[in-house]
PDB file of N, CA and C in Angstrom:
ATOM      1  N   MET A   1     138.780 140.956  95.637  1.00  0.00           N
ATOM      2  CA  MET A   1     138.253 141.671  94.468  1.00  0.00           C
ATOM      3  C   MET A   1     139.470 141.588  93.389  1.00  0.00           C
ATOM      4  N   ASN A   2     138.961 141.248  92.266  1.00  0.00           N
ATOM      5  CA  ASN A   2     140.100 141.178  91.142  1.00  0.00           C
ATOM      6  C   ASN A   2     140.207 142.492  90.680  1.00  0.00           C
ATOM      7  N   ILE A   3     141.120 143.118  90.718  1.00  0.00           N
ATOM      8  CA  ILE A   3     141.458 144.548  90.343  1.00  0.00           C
ATOM      9  C   ILE A   3     141.416 144.924  88.805  1.00  0.00           C
ATOM     10  N   PHE A   4     142.001 143.744  88.212  1.00  0.00           N
ATOM     11  CA  PHE A   4     142.415 143.940  86.926  1.00  0.00           C
ATOM     12  C   PHE A   4     141.145 143.695  86.014  1.00  0.00           C
ATOM     13  N   ALA A   5     140.229 142.948  86.541  1.00  0.00           N
ATOM     14  CA  ALA A   5     138.715 142.783  86.085  1.00  0.00           C
ATOM     15  C   ALA A   5     138.078 143.929  85.887  1.00  0.00           C
ATOM     16  N   CYS A   6     138.232 144.712  87.094  1.00  0.00           N
ATOM     17  CA  CYS A   6     137.477 145.969  87.518  1.00  0.00           C
ATOM     18  C   CYS A   6     137.938 147.030  86.587  1.00  0.00           C
ATOM     19  N   ILE A   7     139.322 147.013  86.419  1.00  0.00           N
ATOM     20  CA  ILE A   7     139.784 148.194  85.530  1.00  0.00           C
ATOM     21  C   ILE A   7     139.353 147.852  83.891  1.00  0.00           C
ATOM     22  N   LEU A   8     139.178 146.763  83.656  1.00  0.00           N
ATOM     23  CA  LEU A   8     138.733 146.546  82.302  1.00  0.00           C
ATOM     24  C   LEU A   8     137.231 146.746  81.971  1.00  0.00           C
ATOM     25  N   LYS A   9     136.366 146.582  83.388  1.00  0.00           N
ATOM     26  CA  LYS A   9     134.969 146.849  83.077  1.00  0.00           C
ATOM     27  C   LYS A   9     134.721 148.595  83.229  1.00  0.00           C
ATOM     28  N   ILE A  10     135.738 149.320  83.799  1.00  0.00           N
ATOM     29  CA  ILE A  10     135.740 150.817  83.852  1.00  0.00           C
ATOM     30  C   ILE A  10     136.401 151.126  82.345  1.00  0.00           C
ATOM     31  N   TYR A  11     137.584 150.545  81.985  1.00  0.00           N
ATOM     32  CA  TYR A  11     137.956 150.915  80.775  1.00  0.00           C
ATOM     33  C   TYR A  11     138.444 149.673  80.284  1.00  0.00           C
ATOM     34  N   PRO A  12     137.567 149.355  79.102  1.00  0.00           N
ATOM     35  CA  PRO A  12     137.400 148.057  78.449  1.00  0.00           C
ATOM     36  C   PRO A  12     138.954 147.733  77.730  1.00  0.00           C
ATOM     37  N   ASP A  13     139.424 148.784  76.944  1.00  0.00           N
ATOM     38  CA  ASP A  13     140.528 148.865  76.365  1.00  0.00           C
ATOM     39  C   ASP A  13     141.684 149.345  77.086  1.00  0.00           C
ATOM     40  N   TRP A  14     141.742 149.204  78.271  1.00  0.00           N
ATOM     41  CA  TRP A  14     142.744 149.698  79.101  1.00  0.00           C
ATOM     42  C   TRP A  14     144.066 148.592  78.959  1.00  0.00           C
ATOM     43  N   VAL A  15     145.291 149.308  78.909  1.00  0.00           N
ATOM     44  CA  VAL A  15     146.654 148.867  78.426  1.00  0.00           C
ATOM     45  C   VAL A  15     147.492 148.832  79.912  1.00  0.00           C
ATOM     46  N   GLY A  16     147.965 147.610  80.378  1.00  0.00           N
ATOM     47  CA  GLY A  16     148.734 147.909  81.696  1.00  0.00           C
ATOM     48  C   GLY A  16     149.046 146.711  82.379  1.00  0.00           C
ATOM     49  N   SER A  17     149.356 146.752  83.564  1.00  0.00           N
ATOM     50  CA  SER A  17     149.346 145.607  84.116  1.00  0.00           C
ATOM     51  C   SER A  17     149.126 145.877  85.655  1.00  0.00           C
ATOM     52  N   VAL A  18     148.624 144.821  86.436  1.00  0.00           N
ATOM     53  CA  VAL A  18     148.419 144.574  87.700  1.00  0.00           C
ATOM     54  C   VAL A  18     149.145 143.604  88.402  1.00  0.00           C
ATOM     55  N   ARG A  19     150.224 144.024  89.413  1.00  0.00           N
ATOM     56  CA  ARG A  19     151.013 143.087  90.051  1.00  0.00           C
ATOM     57  C   ARG A  19     150.423 142.633  91.367  1.00  0.00           C
ATOM     58  N   ASN A  20     150.151 141.517  91.632  1.00  0.00           N
ATOM     59  CA  ASN A  20     149.892 140.861  92.919  1.00  0.00           C
ATOM     60  C   ASN A  20     148.412 141.206  93.300  1.00  0.00           C
ATOM     61  N   ASN A  21     147.727 141.598  92.236  1.00  0.00           N
ATOM     62  CA  ASN A  21     146.411 141.976  92.361  1.00  0.00           C
ATOM     63  C   ASN A  21     146.008 143.252  93.742  1.00  0.00           C
ATOM     64  N   SER A  22     147.028 144.071  93.459  1.00  0.00           N
ATOM     65  CA  SER A  22     146.920 145.033  94.735  1.00  0.00           C
ATOM     66  C   SER A  22     146.852 146.371  93.802  1.00  0.00           C
ATOM     67  N   PHE A  23     145.943 147.355  94.633  1.00  0.00           N
ATOM     68  CA  PHE A  23     145.782 148.786  94.109  1.00  0.00           C
ATOM     69  C   PHE A  23     147.287 149.380  93.801  1.00  0.00           C
ATOM     70  N   ASP A  24     148.225 149.130  94.722  1.00  0.00           N
ATOM     71  CA  ASP A  24     149.442 149.613  94.599  1.00  0.00           C
ATOM     72  C   ASP A  24     150.158 148.917  93.353  1.00  0.00           C
ATOM     73  N   GLY A  25     149.878 148.068  92.855  1.00  0.00           N
ATOM     74  CA  GLY A  25     150.755 147.391  91.809  1.00  0.00           C
ATOM     75  C   GLY A  25     149.908 147.759  90.232  1.00  0.00           C
ATOM     76  N   ILE A  26     149.183 148.888  90.341  1.00  0.00           N
ATOM     77  CA  ILE A  26     148.604 148.874  89.022  1.00  0.00           C
ATOM     78  C   ILE A  26     149.536 149.775  88.134  1.00  0.00           C
ATOM     79  N   MET A  27     150.010 149.547  87.041  1.00  0.00           N
ATOM     80  CA  MET A  27     150.932 150.120  86.289  1.00  0.00           C
ATOM     81  C   MET A  27     150.381 150.368  84.738  1.00  0.00           C
ATOM     82  N   PRO A  28     150.126 151.372  84.498  1.00  0.00           N
ATOM     83  CA  PRO A  28     149.360 151.889  83.194  1.00  0.00           C
ATOM     84  C   PRO A  28     150.754 151.539  82.139  1.00  0.00           C
ATOM     85  N   ALA A  29     150.466 151.181  81.058  1.00  0.00           N
ATOM     86  CA  ALA A  29     151.292 151.267  79.968  1.00  0.00           C
ATOM     87  C   ALA A  29     151.932 152.461  79.599  1.00  0.00           C
ATOM     88  N   THR A  30     153.150 152.910  78.830  1.00  0.00           N
ATOM     89  CA  THR A  30     153.667 154.187  78.792  1.00  0.00           C
ATOM     90  C   THR A  30     152.663 154.898  77.715  1.00  0.00           C
ATOM     91  N   THR A  31     151.884 154.025  77.085  1.00  0.00           N
ATOM     92  CA  THR A  31     151.234 154.629  76.098  1.00  0.00           C
ATOM     93  C   THR A  31     149.550 155.212  76.578  1.00  0.00           C
ATOM     94  N   GLU A  32     149.360 154.647  77.725  1.00  0.00           N
ATOM     95  CA  GLU A  32     148.089 154.972  78.355  1.00  0.00           C
ATOM     96  C   GLU A  32     147.995 156.339  78.809  1.00  0.00           C
ATOM     97  N   THR A  33     147.013 157.123  78.578  1.00  0.00           N
ATOM     98  CA  THR A  33     146.788 158.214  79.192  1.00  0.00           C
ATOM     99  C   THR A  33     145.602 158.617  79.976  1.00  0.00           C
ATOM    100  N   ARG A  34     144.924 157.676  80.254  1.00  0.00           N
ATOM    101  CA  ARG A  34     143.699 157.778  81.244  1.00  0.00           C
ATOM    102  C   ARG A  34     144.420 157.734  82.563  1.00  0.00           C
ATOM    103  N   PRO A  35     143.683 158.282  83.673  1.00  0.00           N
ATOM    104  CA  PRO A  35     144.172 158.279  85.009  1.00  0.00           C
ATOM    105  C   PRO A  35     143.743 156.764  85.560  1.00  0.00           C
ATOM    106  N   ILE A  36     144.572 156.316  86.589  1.00  0.00           N
ATOM    107  CA  ILE A  36     144.398 155.086  87.239  1.00  0.00           C
ATOM    108  C   ILE A  36     143.106 155.242  87.994  1.00  0.00           C
ATOM    109  N   PRO A  37     142.014 154.427  87.834  1.00  0.00           N
ATOM    110  CA  PRO A  37     140.819 154.364  88.577  1.00  0.00           C
ATOM    111  C   PRO A  37     141.019 154.246  90.099  1.00  0.00           C
ATOM    112  N   THR A  38     140.340 154.969  90.830  1.00  0.00           N
ATOM    113  CA  THR A  38     140.599 154.875  92.225  1.00  0.00           C
ATOM    114  C   THR A  38     139.908 154.027  92.696  1.00  0.00           C
ATOM    115  N   LEU A  39     140.416 153.461  94.013  1.00  0.00           N
ATOM    116  CA  LEU A  39     139.770 152.269  94.721  1.00  0.00           C
ATOM    117  C   LEU A  39     138.457 152.393  94.909  1.00  0.00           C
ATOM    118  N   LYS A  40     137.688 153.316  95.311  1.00  0.00           N
ATOM    119  CA  LYS A  40     136.252 153.693  95.094  1.00  0.00           C
ATOM    120  C   LYS A  40     135.571 153.275  93.925  1.00  0.00           C
ATOM    121  N   GLU A  41     136.161 153.621  92.796  1.00  0.00           N
ATOM    122  CA  GLU A  41     135.588 153.332  91.375  1.00  0.00           C
ATOM    123  C   GLU A  41     135.710 151.665  91.186  1.00  0.00           C
ATOM    124  N   LEU A  42     136.810 151.247  91.581  1.00  0.00           N
ATOM    125  CA  LEU A  42     136.924 149.956  91.542  1.00  0.00           C
ATOM    126  C   LEU A  42     136.051 149.245  92.191  1.00  0.00           C
ATOM    127  N   GLU A  43     135.846 149.457  93.367  1.00  0.00           N
ATOM    128  CA  GLU A  43     134.716 148.717  94.406  1.00  0.00           C
ATOM    129  C   GLU A  43     133.498 148.876  93.767  1.00  0.00           C
ATOM    130  N   ALA A  44     133.180 149.958  93.226  1.00  0.00           N
ATOM    131  CA  ALA A  44     131.822 150.353  92.674  1.00  0.00           C
ATOM    132  C   ALA A  44     131.414 149.033  91.565  1.00  0.00           C
ATOM    133  N   VAL A  45     132.266 148.901  90.650  1.00  0.00           N
ATOM    134  CA  VAL A  45     132.037 147.831  89.681  1.00  0.00           C
ATOM    135  C   VAL A  45     132.242 146.454  90.093  1.00  0.00           C
ATOM    136  N   TRP A  46     132.840 146.228  91.154  1.00  0.00           N
ATOM    137  CA  TRP A  46     133.287 144.767  91.568  1.00  0.00           C
ATOM    138  C   TRP A  46     132.132 143.902  91.642  1.00  0.00           C
ATOM    139  N   PRO A  47     130.741 144.465  92.174  1.00  0.00           N
ATOM    140  CA  PRO A  47     129.590 143.602  92.182  1.00  0.00           C
ATOM    141  C   PRO A  47     129.039 143.051  90.650  1.00  0.00           C
ATOM    142  N   ALA A  48     129.259 143.762  89.635  1.00  0.00           N
ATOM    143  CA  ALA A  48     129.008 143.735  88.471  1.00  0.00           C
ATOM    144  C   ALA A  48     129.971 142.583  87.876  1.00  0.00           C
ATOM    145  N   VAL A  49     131.248 142.845  87.904  1.00  0.00           N
ATOM    146  CA  VAL A  49     132.394 142.132  87.429  1.00  0.00           C
ATOM    147  C   VAL A  49     132.271 140.737  88.319  1.00  0.00           C
ATOM    148  N   GLN A  50     132.052 140.695  89.560  1.00  0.00           N
ATOM    149  CA  GLN A  50     131.768 139.455  90.290  1.00  0.00           C
ATOM    150  C   GLN A  50     130.387 138.614  89.583  1.00  0.00           C
ATOM    151  N   ALA A  51     129.389 139.250  89.320  1.00  0.00           N
ATOM    152  CA  ALA A  51     128.131 138.613  88.669  1.00  0.00           C
ATOM    153  C   ALA A  51     128.627 138.178  87.247  1.00  0.00           C
ATOM    154  N   GLU A  52     129.481 138.745  86.650  1.00  0.00           N
ATOM    155  CA  GLU A  52     129.834 138.258  85.178  1.00  0.00           C
ATOM    156  C   GLU A  52     130.882 136.783  85.515  1.00  0.00           C
ATOM    157  N   ILE A  53     131.607 136.936  86.352  1.00  0.00           N
ATOM    158  CA  ILE A  53     132.420 135.869  86.672  1.00  0.00           C
ATOM    159  C   ILE A  53     131.631 134.475  87.064  1.00  0.00           C
ATOM    160  N   GLU A  54     130.562 134.687  87.765  1.00  0.00           N
ATOM    161  CA  GLU A  54     129.769 133.836  88.411  1.00  0.00           C
ATOM    162  C   GLU A  54     129.025 133.115  87.152  1.00  0.00           C
ATOM    163  N   ALA A  55     128.219 134.027  86.274  1.00  0.00           N
ATOM    164  CA  ALA A  55     127.572 133.603  85.194  1.00  0.00           C
ATOM    165  C   ALA A  55     128.474 132.769  84.157  1.00  0.00           C
ATOM    166  N   GLN A  56     129.692 133.336  84.076  1.00  0.00           N
ATOM    167  CA  GLN A  56     130.763 132.694  83.288  1.00  0.00           C
ATOM    168  C   GLN A  56     131.085 131.258  83.649  1.00  0.00           C
ATOM    169  N   LYS A  57     131.052 131.063  85.127  1.00  0.00           N
ATOM    170  CA  LYS A  57     131.368 129.731  85.769  1.00  0.00           C
ATOM    171  C   LYS A  57     130.371 128.729  85.576  1.00  0.00           C
ATOM    172  N   LYS A  58     129.039 129.339  85.687  1.00  0.00           N
ATOM    173  CA  LYS A  58     127.832 128.546  85.575  1.00  0.00           C
ATOM    174  C   LYS A  58     127.576 128.334  84.105  1.00  0.00           C
ATOM    175  N   ASN A  59     128.104 128.997  83.060  1.00  0.00           N
ATOM    176  CA  ASN A  59     127.912 128.590  81.707  1.00  0.00           C
ATOM    177  C   ASN A  59     128.786 127.583  81.350  1.00  0.00           C
ATOM    178  N   ASP A  60     130.266 127.730  82.047  1.00  0.00           N
ATOM    179  CA  ASP A  60     131.281 126.573  81.664  1.00  0.00           C
ATOM    180  C   ASP A  60     130.753 125.209  82.416  1.00  0.00           C
ATOM    181  N   GLU A  61     130.201 125.381  83.499  1.00  0.00           N
ATOM    182  CA  GLU A  61     129.765 124.268  83.909  1.00  0.00           C
ATOM    183  C   GLU A  61     128.595 123.564  83.072  1.00  0.00           C
ATOM    184  N   ALA A  62     127.736 124.192  82.907  1.00  0.00           N
ATOM    185  CA  ALA A  62     126.556 123.868  81.731  1.00  0.00           C
ATOM    186  C   ALA A  62     127.096 123.301  80.526  1.00  0.00           C
ATOM    187  N   LYS A  63     127.906 123.904  80.138  1.00  0.00           N
ATOM    188  CA  LYS A  63     128.722 123.441  78.729  1.00  0.00           C
ATOM    189  C   LYS A  63     129.408 122.200  78.991  1.00  0.00           C
ATOM    190  N   ALA A  64     130.262 121.896  80.144  1.00  0.00           N
ATOM    191  CA  ALA A  64     130.875 120.846  80.425  1.00  0.00           C
ATOM    192  C   ALA A  64     129.674 119.459  80.447  1.00  0.00           C
ATOM    193  N   ILE A  65     128.467 119.780  81.268  1.00  0.00           N
ATOM    194  CA  ILE A  65     127.621 118.783  81.249  1.00  0.00           C
ATOM    195  C   ILE A  65     126.856 118.474  79.854  1.00  0.00           C
ATOM    196  N   LEU A  66     126.747 119.455  79.046  1.00  0.00           N
ATOM    197  CA  LEU A  66     126.373 119.086  77.577  1.00  0.00           C
ATOM    198  C   LEU A  66     127.324 118.487  76.819  1.00  0.00           C
ATOM    199  N   ALA A  67     128.451 118.647  76.962  1.00  0.00           N
ATOM    200  CA  ALA A  67     129.589 118.043  76.298  1.00  0.00           C
ATOM    201  C   ALA A  67     129.672 116.543  76.530  1.00  0.00           C
ATOM    202  N   GLU A  68     129.588 116.322  77.926  1.00  0.00           N
ATOM    203  CA  GLU A  68     129.382 115.031  78.436  1.00  0.00           C
ATOM    204  C   GLU A  68     128.200 114.077  77.817  1.00  0.00           C
ATOM    205  N   ILE A  69     127.257 114.914  77.816  1.00  0.00           N
ATOM    206  CA  ILE A  69     125.873 114.064  77.579  1.00  0.00           C
ATOM    207  C   ILE A  69     126.023 113.973  75.874  1.00  0.00           C
ATOM    208  N   ASP A  70     126.779 114.782  75.140  1.00  0.00           N
ATOM    209  CA  ASP A  70     127.035 114.532  73.894  1.00  0.00           C
ATOM    210  C   ASP A  70     127.840 113.269  73.541  1.00  0.00           C
ATOM    211  N   LEU A  71     128.780 113.209  74.348  1.00  0.00           N
ATOM    212  CA  LEU A  71     129.728 112.036  74.221  1.00  0.00           C
ATOM    213  C   LEU A  71     129.128 110.982  74.396  1.00  0.00           C
ATOM    214  N   LYS A  72     128.321 110.753  75.548  1.00  0.00           N
ATOM    215  CA  LYS A  72     127.785 109.705  75.762  1.00  0.00           C
ATOM    216  C   LYS A  72     126.420 109.304  74.768  1.00  0.00           C
ATOM    217  N   SER A  73     126.170 110.241  74.196  1.00  0.00           N
ATOM    218  CA  SER A  73     124.928 109.881  73.258  1.00  0.00           C
ATOM    219  C   SER A  73     125.522 109.475  71.974  1.00  0.00           C
ATOM    220  N   ILE A  74     126.626 109.779  71.557  1.00  0.00           N
ATOM    221  CA  ILE A  74     127.339 109.458  70.304  1.00  0.00           C
ATOM    222  C   ILE A  74     127.178 108.077  69.898  1.00  0.00           C
ATOM    223  N   ARG A  75     127.816 107.198  71.014  1.00  0.00           N
ATOM    224  CA  ARG A  75     127.898 105.879  71.221  1.00  0.00           C
ATOM    225  C   ARG A  75     126.647 105.378  70.865  1.00  0.00           C
ATOM    226  N   SER A  76     125.695 105.590  71.572  1.00  0.00           N
ATOM    227  CA  SER A  76     124.256 105.161  71.544  1.00  0.00           C
ATOM    228  C   SER A  76     123.721 105.326  70.199  1.00  0.00           C
ATOM    229  N   ILE A  77     123.966 106.363  69.658  1.00  0.00           N
ATOM    230  CA  ILE A  77     123.314 106.689  68.351  1.00  0.00           C
ATOM    231  C   ILE A  77     123.948 105.723  67.464  1.00  0.00           C
ATOM    232  N   ARG A  78     125.464 105.697  67.231  1.00  0.00           N
ATOM    233  CA  ARG A  78     126.189 105.155  66.382  1.00  0.00           C
ATOM    234  C   ARG A  78     125.887 103.357  66.499  1.00  0.00           C
ATOM    235  N   GLU A  79     125.500 102.810  67.826  1.00  0.00           N
ATOM    236  CA  GLU A  79     125.077 101.572  67.951  1.00  0.00           C
ATOM    237  C   GLU A  79     123.811 101.427  67.065  1.00  0.00           C
ATOM    238  N   TRP A  80     122.881 102.278  67.413  1.00  0.00           N
ATOM    239  CA  TRP A  80     121.500 102.031  66.743  1.00  0.00           C
ATOM    240  C   TRP A  80     121.459 102.176  65.192  1.00  0.00           C
ATOM    241  N   ILE A  81     122.430 103.173  64.747  1.00  0.00           N
ATOM    242  CA  ILE A  81     122.343 103.254  63.406  1.00  0.00           C
ATOM    243  C   ILE A  81     123.122 101.884  62.693  1.00  0.00           C
ATOM    244  N   VAL A  82     124.170 101.452  63.306  1.00  0.00           N
ATOM    245  CA  VAL A  82     124.687 100.272  62.693  1.00  0.00           C
ATOM    246  C   VAL A  82     123.833  99.159  62.881  1.00  0.00           C
ATOM    247  N   SER A  83     122.973  98.977  63.672  1.00  0.00           N
ATOM    248  CA  SER A  83     122.017  97.722  63.722  1.00  0.00           C
ATOM    249  C   SER A  83     120.976  97.950  62.893  1.00  0.00           C
ATOM    250  N   GLN A  84     120.735  99.021  61.977  1.00  0.00           N
ATOM    251  CA  GLN A  84     119.960  99.132  60.997  1.00  0.00           C
ATOM    252  C   GLN A  84     120.484  98.317  59.685  1.00  0.00           C
ATOM    253  N   GLU A  85     119.281  97.873  58.952  1.00  0.00           N
ATOM    254  CA  GLU A  85     119.804  97.142  57.771  1.00  0.00           C
ATOM    255  C   GLU A  85     120.693  97.983  56.713  1.00  0.00           C
ATOM    256  N   LYS A  86     120.197  99.050  56.597  1.00  0.00           N
ATOM    257  CA  LYS A  86     120.986  99.915  55.416  1.00  0.00           C
ATOM    258  C   LYS A  86     121.866 100.996  56.104  1.00  0.00           C
ATOM    259  N   ALA A  87     122.799 100.396  57.256  1.00  0.00           N
ATOM    260  CA  ALA A  87     123.879 101.331  57.833  1.00  0.00           C
ATOM    261  C   ALA A  87     124.900 101.605  57.113  1.00  0.00           C
ATOM    262  N   PRO A  88     125.474 102.941  56.986  1.00  0.00           N
ATOM    263  CA  PRO A  88     126.500 103.166  56.260  1.00  0.00           C
ATOM    264  C   PRO A  88     127.763 102.488  56.570  1.00  0.00           C
ATOM    265  N   THR A  89     128.550 102.064  55.493  1.00  0.00           N
ATOM    266  CA  THR A  89     129.856 101.046  56.001  1.00  0.00           C
ATOM    267  C   THR A  89     130.634 101.822  56.724  1.00  0.00           C
ATOM    268  N   PHE A  90     130.805 103.125  56.650  1.00  0.00           N
ATOM    269  CA  PHE A  90     131.872 103.899  57.297  1.00  0.00           C
ATOM    270  C   PHE A  90     131.623 103.842  58.870  1.00  0.00           C
ATOM    271  N   LEU A  91     130.253 103.744  59.143  1.00  0.00           N
ATOM    272  CA  LEU A  91     129.868 103.864  60.623  1.00  0.00           C
ATOM    273  C   LEU A  91     129.944 102.484  61.165  1.00  0.00           C
ATOM    274  N   THR A  92     129.767 101.478  60.258  1.00  0.00           N
ATOM    275  CA  THR A  92     130.030  99.987  60.726  1.00  0.00           C
ATOM    276  C   THR A  92     131.352  99.785  61.088  1.00  0.00           C
ATOM    277  N   ASP A  93     132.289 100.498  60.151  1.00  0.00           N
ATOM    278  CA  ASP A  93     133.715 100.187  60.342  1.00  0.00           C
ATOM    279  C   ASP A  93     134.077 101.046  61.859  1.00  0.00           C
ATOM    280  N   TYR A  94     133.512 102.190  61.894  1.00  0.00           N
ATOM    281  CA  TYR A  94     133.681 102.892  63.293  1.00  0.00           C
ATOM    282  C   TYR A  94     133.494 102.270  64.459  1.00  0.00           C
ATOM    283  N   GLU A  95     132.215 101.377  64.385  1.00  0.00           N
ATOM    284  CA  GLU A  95     131.719 100.845  65.503  1.00  0.00           C
ATOM    285  C   GLU A  95     132.637  99.521  65.785  1.00  0.00           C
ATOM    286  N   LYS A  96     133.080  98.671  64.639  1.00  0.00           N
ATOM    287  CA  LYS A  96     134.017  97.743  64.748  1.00  0.00           C
ATOM    288  C   LYS A  96     135.409  98.217  65.356  1.00  0.00           C
ATOM    289  N   GLN A  97     135.803  99.227  64.943  1.00  0.00           N
ATOM    290  CA  GLN A  97     137.127 100.004  65.559  1.00  0.00           C
ATOM    291  C   GLN A  97     136.705 100.440  67.041  1.00  0.00           C
ATOM    292  N   ALA A  98     135.803 100.625  67.443  1.00  0.00           N
ATOM    293  CA  ALA A  98     135.332 101.056  68.755  1.00  0.00           C
ATOM    294  C   ALA A  98     135.411  99.960  69.652  1.00  0.00           C
ATOM    295  N   GLN A  99     134.739  98.758  69.124  1.00  0.00           N
ATOM    296  CA  GLN A  99     134.511  97.591  70.004  1.00  0.00           C
ATOM    297  C   GLN A  99     135.840  96.910  70.267  1.00  0.00           C
ATOM    298  N   ALA A 100     136.833  97.103  69.189  1.00  0.00           N
ATOM    299  CA  ALA A 100     138.121  96.490  69.445  1.00  0.00           C
ATOM    300  C   ALA A 100     139.007  97.187  70.329  1.00  0.00           C
ATOM    301  N   ALA A 101     138.686  98.606  70.379  1.00  0.00           N
ATOM    302  CA  ALA A 101     139.286  99.584  71.161  1.00  0.00           C
ATOM    303  C   ALA A 101     138.719  99.193  72.842  1.00  0.00           C
ATOM    304  N   ARG A 102     137.550  99.082  72.910  1.00  0.00           N
ATOM    305  CA  ARG A 102     136.818  98.859  74.141  1.00  0.00           C
ATOM    306  C   ARG A 102     137.306  97.710  74.825  1.00  0.00           C
ATOM    307  N   GLN A 103     137.620  96.489  73.986  1.00  0.00           N
ATOM    308  CA  GLN A 103     138.004  95.157  74.513  1.00  0.00           C
ATOM    309  C   GLN A 103     139.632  95.372  75.038  1.00  0.00           C
ATOM    310  N   GLY A 104     140.283  96.466  74.408  1.00  0.00           N
ATOM    311  CA  GLY A 104     141.633  96.374  74.939  1.00  0.00           C
ATOM    312  C   GLY A 104     141.598  97.334  76.124  1.00  0.00           C
ATOM    313  N   LEU A 105     140.680  97.797  76.566  1.00  0.00           N
ATOM    314  CA  LEU A 105     140.615  98.561  77.777  1.00  0.00           C
ATOM    315  C   LEU A 105     141.092  97.870  79.125  1.00  0.00           C
ATOM    316  N   ILE A 106     141.822  98.089  80.120  1.00  0.00           N
ATOM    317  CA  ILE A 106     142.056  97.714  81.199  1.00  0.00           C
ATOM    318  C   ILE A 106     140.935  97.955  82.365  1.00  0.00           C
ATOM    319  N   LYS A 107     140.241  97.035  82.813  1.00  0.00           N
ATOM    320  CA  LYS A 107     139.157  97.330  83.578  1.00  0.00           C
ATOM    321  C   LYS A 107     139.610  97.383  85.095  1.00  0.00           C
TER     322      LYS A 107
END
């Protein structure tokens, strides 16, 4: 259980620190006036926190896949545009630079 994430779920603007992710290591800041949540309260919100962590993990994986697809497609799109008769000169220059760079790659 991530105690700090649970505390933030209960008190979103909580200020303090948690050492070694242990209940004994919860230290509120000197300006904090709320009580430290009990272990029972932390355990009650843990399933929701865990679900949020898993959702974020899935989102990050999907974003990584989308970024990879975008990077792969950019080259194809650029090559296709350059093959057209009225291709912009800056894209033609980029394609020539890319071809030169690919020739320098060690295989």
